[in-house]
Amino acid sequence: HFVAEAASALLYVGDGRFHLESAMIANPELPAYRYDPYGKVFSRERYETQVMHAARARAIERAASSRSVGLILGTLGRQGSCKVLDGLRERIAASGRSCVTVLLSEIFPAKLALFADVDAWVQVACPRLSIDWGEAFSRPLLSPYEMNVAMGSAQWQATYPMDFYANDSLGPWTVNNAAHRPAPRKRAAVKVVATTVATSAAS
């Protein structure tokens, strides 16, 4: 979602704001506009970036003191990533915290409230869930990136990273990061042997 430095504005054509908001979060310095081709409406759009940053910082601070962490692997579509989950589980264990893994197709506050002994949650599912709905949960509901910040294995970014599916993402908490891609196979060297075929002159 990062826009080239030469851009001076964001223009989104479509109804709704979901995808536009992701671009606005990744490019907070650019003014954003939306044209709705169905309603024939052109509008200036705004996103409360600082409010979102403050909310996520509070959740991270609470999770930093957690002793028990719940890991959620989303089973809806292809949102969940076992590689990201495994990496998180290893880093959480290395930090001295206990960890429980839960598989869920949908994540609701009432479901997570049943786990009274979990101090903080990390969801490997919908990339926007923690940003959009994190405040609705009684305990911190972090993204993999945020949990790495809470554990001190990543730095908080002044511009919130929206690189969930990027090949050049900031760290192994995203599915297409280099850490999760298979190493390229080395091709066996091909040996070329020159041969000479003798021919006899026609009699």
C-alpha atoms as a PDB file:
ATOM      1  CA  HIS A   1       0.000   0.000   0.000  1.00  0.00           C
ATOM      2  CA  PHE A   2       3.000   2.322   0.118  1.00  0.00           C
ATOM      3  CA  VAL A   3       2.734   4.989  -2.578  1.00  0.00           C
ATOM      4  CA  ALA A   4       5.693   6.312  -4.543  1.00  0.00           C
ATOM      5  CA  GLU A   5       7.344   9.440  -3.175  1.00  0.00           C
ATOM      6  CA  ALA A   6       6.353  11.395  -6.275  1.00  0.00           C
ATOM      7  CA  ALA A   7       2.639  11.067  -5.416  1.00  0.00           C
ATOM      8  CA  SER A   8       0.872  14.083  -3.948  1.00  0.00           C
ATOM      9  CA  ALA A   9      -2.504  12.489  -3.154  1.00  0.00           C
ATOM     10  CA  LEU A  10      -4.454   9.225  -2.927  1.00  0.00           C
ATOM     11  CA  LEU A  11      -7.468   8.657  -5.172  1.00  0.00           C
ATOM     12  CA  TYR A  12      -9.686   5.624  -4.616  1.00  0.00           C
ATOM     13  CA  VAL A  13     -12.448   4.698  -7.057  1.00  0.00           C
ATOM     14  CA  GLY A  14     -15.083   2.433  -5.534  1.00  0.00           C
ATOM     15  CA  ASP A  15     -17.679   2.179  -2.806  1.00  0.00           C
ATOM     16  CA  GLY A  16     -16.756   1.682   0.843  1.00  0.00           C
ATOM     17  CA  ARG A  17     -13.561   2.685   2.627  1.00  0.00           C
ATOM     18  CA  PHE A  18     -11.919  -0.569   3.701  1.00  0.00           C
ATOM     19  CA  HIS A  19      -9.125  -0.694   1.110  1.00  0.00           C
ATOM     20  CA  LEU A  20      -8.738   3.055   1.054  1.00  0.00           C
ATOM     21  CA  GLU A  21      -8.178   3.077   4.803  1.00  0.00           C
ATOM     22  CA  SER A  22      -5.281   0.635   4.442  1.00  0.00           C
ATOM     23  CA  ALA A  23      -3.659   2.981   1.933  1.00  0.00           C
ATOM     24  CA  MET A  24      -4.320   5.950   4.225  1.00  0.00           C
ATOM     25  CA  ILE A  25      -2.704   4.174   7.192  1.00  0.00           C
ATOM     26  CA  ALA A  26       0.383   3.366   5.116  1.00  0.00           C
ATOM     27  CA  ASN A  27       0.562   6.909   3.680  1.00  0.00           C
ATOM     28  CA  PRO A  28      -0.629   9.220   6.468  1.00  0.00           C
ATOM     29  CA  GLU A  29       1.014  12.286   4.937  1.00  0.00           C
ATOM     30  CA  LEU A  30      -1.007  12.162   1.705  1.00  0.00           C
ATOM     31  CA  PRO A  31      -4.496  13.675   1.361  1.00  0.00           C
ATOM     32  CA  ALA A  32      -7.027  11.032   0.322  1.00  0.00           C
ATOM     33  CA  TYR A  33     -10.029  11.288  -1.990  1.00  0.00           C
ATOM     34  CA  ARG A  34     -12.698   8.811  -2.979  1.00  0.00           C
ATOM     35  CA  TYR A  35     -14.975   8.687  -5.992  1.00  0.00           C
ATOM     36  CA  ASP A  36     -18.024   6.462  -5.651  1.00  0.00           C
ATOM     37  CA  PRO A  37     -19.055   5.534  -9.208  1.00  0.00           C
ATOM     38  CA  TYR A  38     -22.392   4.186  -7.980  1.00  0.00           C
ATOM     39  CA  GLY A  39     -23.503   7.240  -6.047  1.00  0.00           C
ATOM     40  CA  LYS A  40     -21.561   9.632  -8.303  1.00  0.00           C
ATOM     41  CA  VAL A  41     -19.998  11.248  -5.219  1.00  0.00           C
ATOM     42  CA  PHE A  42     -16.464  12.650  -4.966  1.00  0.00           C
ATOM     43  CA  SER A  43     -15.325  13.178  -1.376  1.00  0.00           C
ATOM     44  CA  ARG A  44     -12.320  14.057   0.741  1.00  0.00           C
ATOM     45  CA  GLU A  45     -11.603  11.197   3.157  1.00  0.00           C
ATOM     46  CA  ARG A  46      -9.832  11.280   6.520  1.00  0.00           C
ATOM     47  CA  TYR A  47      -8.505   8.675   8.926  1.00  0.00           C
ATOM     48  CA  GLU A  48      -7.663   9.270  12.587  1.00  0.00           C
ATOM     49  CA  THR A  49      -4.150   7.875  12.397  1.00  0.00           C
ATOM     50  CA  GLN A  50      -2.967   9.239  15.738  1.00  0.00           C
ATOM     51  CA  VAL A  51      -6.007   7.830  17.542  1.00  0.00           C
ATOM     52  CA  MET A  52      -5.324   4.411  16.036  1.00  0.00           C
ATOM     53  CA  HIS A  53      -1.630   4.593  16.932  1.00  0.00           C
ATOM     54  CA  ALA A  54      -2.460   5.470  20.545  1.00  0.00           C
ATOM     55  CA  ALA A  55      -4.905   2.575  20.838  1.00  0.00           C
ATOM     56  CA  ARG A  56      -2.437   0.080  19.406  1.00  0.00           C
ATOM     57  CA  ALA A  57       0.364   1.402  21.628  1.00  0.00           C
ATOM     58  CA  ARG A  58      -1.826   0.863  24.712  1.00  0.00           C
ATOM     59  CA  ALA A  59      -2.576  -2.712  23.654  1.00  0.00           C
ATOM     60  CA  ILE A  60       1.101  -3.428  23.051  1.00  0.00           C
ATOM     61  CA  GLU A  61       2.049  -1.983  26.433  1.00  0.00           C
ATOM     62  CA  ARG A  62      -0.487  -4.199  28.179  1.00  0.00           C
ATOM     63  CA  ALA A  63       0.671  -7.279  26.278  1.00  0.00           C
ATOM     64  CA  ALA A  64       4.311  -6.576  27.118  1.00  0.00           C
ATOM     65  CA  SER A  65       3.647  -7.547  30.742  1.00  0.00           C
ATOM     66  CA  SER A  66       1.644 -10.660  29.858  1.00  0.00           C
ATOM     67  CA  ARG A  67       2.723 -14.068  31.134  1.00  0.00           C
ATOM     68  CA  SER A  68       0.200 -16.183  29.221  1.00  0.00           C
ATOM     69  CA  VAL A  69      -0.449 -15.620  25.520  1.00  0.00           C
ATOM     70  CA  GLY A  70      -3.188 -17.064  23.330  1.00  0.00           C
ATOM     71  CA  LEU A  71      -2.344 -17.642  19.660  1.00  0.00           C
ATOM     72  CA  ILE A  72      -5.280 -17.655  17.248  1.00  0.00           C
ATOM     73  CA  LEU A  73      -4.907 -19.317  13.862  1.00  0.00           C
ATOM     74  CA  GLY A  74      -7.685 -18.131  11.580  1.00  0.00           C
ATOM     75  CA  THR A  75      -9.345 -20.934   9.608  1.00  0.00           C
ATOM     76  CA  LEU A  76     -11.532 -18.710   7.436  1.00  0.00           C
ATOM     77  CA  GLY A  77     -10.311 -18.885   3.859  1.00  0.00           C
ATOM     78  CA  ARG A  78      -6.534 -18.530   3.617  1.00  0.00           C
ATOM     79  CA  GLN A  79      -6.061 -15.857   6.274  1.00  0.00           C
ATOM     80  CA  GLY A  80      -4.116 -18.009   8.713  1.00  0.00           C
ATOM     81  CA  SER A  81      -0.480 -18.924   8.201  1.00  0.00           C
ATOM     82  CA  CYS A  82       1.087 -21.897   9.981  1.00  0.00           C
ATOM     83  CA  LYS A  83       4.572 -20.552   9.278  1.00  0.00           C
ATOM     84  CA  VAL A  84       3.801 -17.231  10.957  1.00  0.00           C
ATOM     85  CA  LEU A  85       2.132 -19.113  13.826  1.00  0.00           C
ATOM     86  CA  ASP A  86       5.129 -21.404  14.346  1.00  0.00           C
ATOM     87  CA  GLY A  87       7.532 -18.474  14.358  1.00  0.00           C
ATOM     88  CA  LEU A  88       5.425 -16.639  16.935  1.00  0.00           C
ATOM     89  CA  ARG A  89       5.155 -19.731  19.119  1.00  0.00           C
ATOM     90  CA  GLU A  90       8.946 -20.104  19.161  1.00  0.00           C
ATOM     91  CA  ARG A  91       9.559 -16.454  20.044  1.00  0.00           C
ATOM     92  CA  ILE A  92       6.869 -16.440  22.726  1.00  0.00           C
ATOM     93  CA  ALA A  93       8.345 -19.562  24.328  1.00  0.00           C
ATOM     94  CA  ALA A  94      11.822 -18.024  24.184  1.00  0.00           C
ATOM     95  CA  SER A  95      10.485 -14.970  26.034  1.00  0.00           C
ATOM     96  CA  GLY A  96       9.468 -17.182  28.972  1.00  0.00           C
ATOM     97  CA  ARG A  97       5.729 -16.841  28.422  1.00  0.00           C
ATOM     98  CA  SER A  98       3.286 -19.732  28.296  1.00  0.00           C
ATOM     99  CA  CYS A  99       1.278 -20.147  25.120  1.00  0.00           C
ATOM    100  CA  VAL A 100      -1.972 -21.776  24.025  1.00  0.00           C
ATOM    101  CA  THR A 101      -3.057 -22.150  20.396  1.00  0.00           C
ATOM    102  CA  VAL A 102      -6.689 -21.868  19.318  1.00  0.00           C
ATOM    103  CA  LEU A 103      -8.168 -22.396  15.844  1.00  0.00           C
ATOM    104  CA  LEU A 104     -11.127 -20.137  15.047  1.00  0.00           C
ATOM    105  CA  SER A 105     -13.068 -19.295  11.923  1.00  0.00           C
ATOM    106  CA  GLU A 106     -14.465 -16.134  13.529  1.00  0.00           C
ATOM    107  CA  ILE A 107     -13.043 -14.133  16.416  1.00  0.00           C
ATOM    108  CA  PHE A 108     -15.516 -12.585  18.869  1.00  0.00           C
ATOM    109  CA  PRO A 109     -14.953 -10.995  22.301  1.00  0.00           C
ATOM    110  CA  ALA A 110     -17.321 -13.497  23.954  1.00  0.00           C
ATOM    111  CA  LYS A 111     -15.314 -16.457  22.650  1.00  0.00           C
ATOM    112  CA  LEU A 112     -11.994 -15.161  23.915  1.00  0.00           C
ATOM    113  CA  ALA A 113     -13.488 -14.175  27.267  1.00  0.00           C
ATOM    114  CA  LEU A 114     -13.949 -17.890  27.991  1.00  0.00           C
ATOM    115  CA  PHE A 115     -10.168 -18.214  28.342  1.00  0.00           C
ATOM    116  CA  ALA A 116      -9.829 -16.506  31.709  1.00  0.00           C
ATOM    117  CA  ASP A 117      -6.167 -17.422  32.164  1.00  0.00           C
ATOM    118  CA  VAL A 118      -4.956 -15.781  28.927  1.00  0.00           C
ATOM    119  CA  ASP A 119      -3.426 -12.332  29.440  1.00  0.00           C
ATOM    120  CA  ALA A 120      -3.102 -11.309  25.793  1.00  0.00           C
ATOM    121  CA  TRP A 121      -4.072 -12.609  22.370  1.00  0.00           C
ATOM    122  CA  VAL A 122      -2.291 -12.635  19.026  1.00  0.00           C
ATOM    123  CA  GLN A 123      -4.397 -13.279  15.961  1.00  0.00           C
ATOM    124  CA  VAL A 124      -2.886 -14.793  12.820  1.00  0.00           C
ATOM    125  CA  ALA A 125      -5.993 -14.219  10.776  1.00  0.00           C
ATOM    126  CA  CYS A 126      -7.500 -11.002   9.407  1.00  0.00           C
ATOM    127  CA  PRO A 127      -4.710  -8.412   9.062  1.00  0.00           C
ATOM    128  CA  ARG A 128      -7.056  -5.532   9.938  1.00  0.00           C
ATOM    129  CA  LEU A 129      -8.894  -7.155  12.851  1.00  0.00           C
ATOM    130  CA  SER A 130      -6.647  -5.818  15.603  1.00  0.00           C
ATOM    131  CA  ILE A 131      -6.644  -2.301  14.152  1.00  0.00           C
ATOM    132  CA  ASP A 132     -10.380  -2.087  13.481  1.00  0.00           C
ATOM    133  CA  TRP A 133     -11.835  -4.060  16.397  1.00  0.00           C
ATOM    134  CA  GLY A 134      -9.091  -4.492  18.978  1.00  0.00           C
ATOM    135  CA  GLU A 135     -10.713  -2.063  21.410  1.00  0.00           C
ATOM    136  CA  ALA A 136     -13.806  -4.287  21.595  1.00  0.00           C
ATOM    137  CA  PHE A 137     -11.880  -7.052  23.417  1.00  0.00           C
ATOM    138  CA  SER A 138     -11.294  -7.082  27.160  1.00  0.00           C
ATOM    139  CA  ARG A 139      -7.700  -8.256  26.734  1.00  0.00           C
ATOM    140  CA  PRO A 140      -5.174  -7.043  24.178  1.00  0.00           C
ATOM    141  CA  LEU A 141      -5.732  -8.518  20.720  1.00  0.00           C
ATOM    142  CA  LEU A 142      -2.513  -7.992  18.816  1.00  0.00           C
ATOM    143  CA  SER A 143      -1.303  -8.603  15.293  1.00  0.00           C
ATOM    144  CA  PRO A 144       1.892 -10.639  14.838  1.00  0.00           C
ATOM    145  CA  TYR A 145       3.839  -7.422  14.201  1.00  0.00           C
ATOM    146  CA  GLU A 146       2.509  -5.860  17.392  1.00  0.00           C
ATOM    147  CA  MET A 147       3.363  -8.923  19.472  1.00  0.00           C
ATOM    148  CA  ASN A 148       6.930  -8.760  18.214  1.00  0.00           C
ATOM    149  CA  VAL A 149       7.048  -5.138  19.353  1.00  0.00           C
ATOM    150  CA  ALA A 150       5.657  -6.179  22.754  1.00  0.00           C
ATOM    151  CA  MET A 151       8.411  -8.803  23.108  1.00  0.00           C
ATOM    152  CA  GLY A 152      11.138  -6.402  22.025  1.00  0.00           C
ATOM    153  CA  SER A 153      12.007  -8.318  18.857  1.00  0.00           C
ATOM    154  CA  ALA A 154      10.768  -5.521  16.579  1.00  0.00           C
ATOM    155  CA  GLN A 155      10.703  -1.733  16.704  1.00  0.00           C
ATOM    156  CA  TRP A 156       7.513   0.315  16.687  1.00  0.00           C
ATOM    157  CA  GLN A 157       7.215   2.020  13.315  1.00  0.00           C
ATOM    158  CA  ALA A 158       6.185   5.682  13.050  1.00  0.00           C
ATOM    159  CA  THR A 159       4.204   4.676   9.944  1.00  0.00           C
ATOM    160  CA  TYR A 160       2.169   1.596  10.786  1.00  0.00           C
ATOM    161  CA  PRO A 161       3.310  -1.224   8.444  1.00  0.00           C
ATOM    162  CA  MET A 162       0.585  -2.497   6.138  1.00  0.00           C
ATOM    163  CA  ASP A 163       2.903  -5.030   4.477  1.00  0.00           C
ATOM    164  CA  PHE A 164       0.908  -8.127   5.407  1.00  0.00           C
ATOM    165  CA  TYR A 165       1.445  -9.850   2.038  1.00  0.00           C
ATOM    166  CA  ALA A 166       4.549  -8.033   0.781  1.00  0.00           C
ATOM    167  CA  ASN A 167       7.628  -9.978  -0.275  1.00  0.00           C
ATOM    168  CA  ASP A 168       9.842  -7.261   1.242  1.00  0.00           C
ATOM    169  CA  SER A 169       7.997  -6.970   4.559  1.00  0.00           C
ATOM    170  CA  LEU A 170       9.750  -5.802   7.716  1.00  0.00           C
ATOM    171  CA  GLY A 171       9.915  -9.174   9.441  1.00  0.00           C
ATOM    172  CA  PRO A 172       8.938 -12.849   9.635  1.00  0.00           C
ATOM    173  CA  TRP A 173       5.529 -11.992  11.090  1.00  0.00           C
ATOM    174  CA  THR A 174       4.155 -11.736   7.530  1.00  0.00           C
ATOM    175  CA  VAL A 175       3.414 -14.720   5.339  1.00  0.00           C
ATOM    176  CA  ASN A 176       5.531 -13.819   2.282  1.00  0.00           C
ATOM    177  CA  ASN A 177       8.609 -12.673   4.161  1.00  0.00           C
ATOM    178  CA  ALA A 178      11.899 -14.104   2.915  1.00  0.00           C
ATOM    179  CA  ALA A 179      12.150 -16.200   6.083  1.00  0.00           C
ATOM    180  CA  HIS A 180       9.144 -18.244   4.940  1.00  0.00           C
ATOM    181  CA  ARG A 181      10.073 -18.686   1.306  1.00  0.00           C
ATOM    182  CA  PRO A 182      11.795 -21.936   0.316  1.00  0.00           C
ATOM    183  CA  ALA A 183      15.438 -21.655  -0.603  1.00  0.00           C
ATOM    184  CA  PRO A 184      15.958 -21.786  -4.351  1.00  0.00           C
ATOM    185  CA  ARG A 185      17.083 -25.177  -5.526  1.00  0.00           C
ATOM    186  CA  LYS A 186      20.508 -25.344  -7.035  1.00  0.00           C
ATOM    187  CA  ARG A 187      20.497 -26.771 -10.507  1.00  0.00           C
ATOM    188  CA  ALA A 188      22.946 -29.493 -11.205  1.00  0.00           C
ATOM    189  CA  ALA A 189      25.739 -28.429 -13.522  1.00  0.00           C
ATOM    190  CA  VAL A 190      25.307 -29.646 -17.045  1.00  0.00           C
ATOM    191  CA  LYS A 191      28.438 -31.133 -18.531  1.00  0.00           C
ATOM    192  CA  VAL A 192      28.732 -30.682 -22.262  1.00  0.00           C
ATOM    193  CA  VAL A 193      30.894 -33.216 -24.035  1.00  0.00           C
ATOM    194  CA  ALA A 194      31.960 -32.563 -27.587  1.00  0.00           C
ATOM    195  CA  THR A 195      32.109 -35.625 -29.792  1.00  0.00           C
ATOM    196  CA  THR A 196      33.419 -36.118 -33.314  1.00  0.00           C
ATOM    197  CA  VAL A 197      31.626 -38.434 -35.681  1.00  0.00           C
ATOM    198  CA  ALA A 198      33.805 -39.939 -38.367  1.00  0.00           C
ATOM    199  CA  THR A 199      32.244 -40.314 -41.790  1.00  0.00           C
ATOM    200  CA  SER A 200      33.518 -42.436 -44.650  1.00  0.00           C
ATOM    201  CA  ALA A 201      33.720 -41.092 -48.160  1.00  0.00           C
ATOM    202  CA  ALA A 202      31.177 -42.485 -50.540  1.00  0.00           C
ATOM    203  CA  SER A 203      32.751 -45.089 -52.886  1.00  0.00           C
END
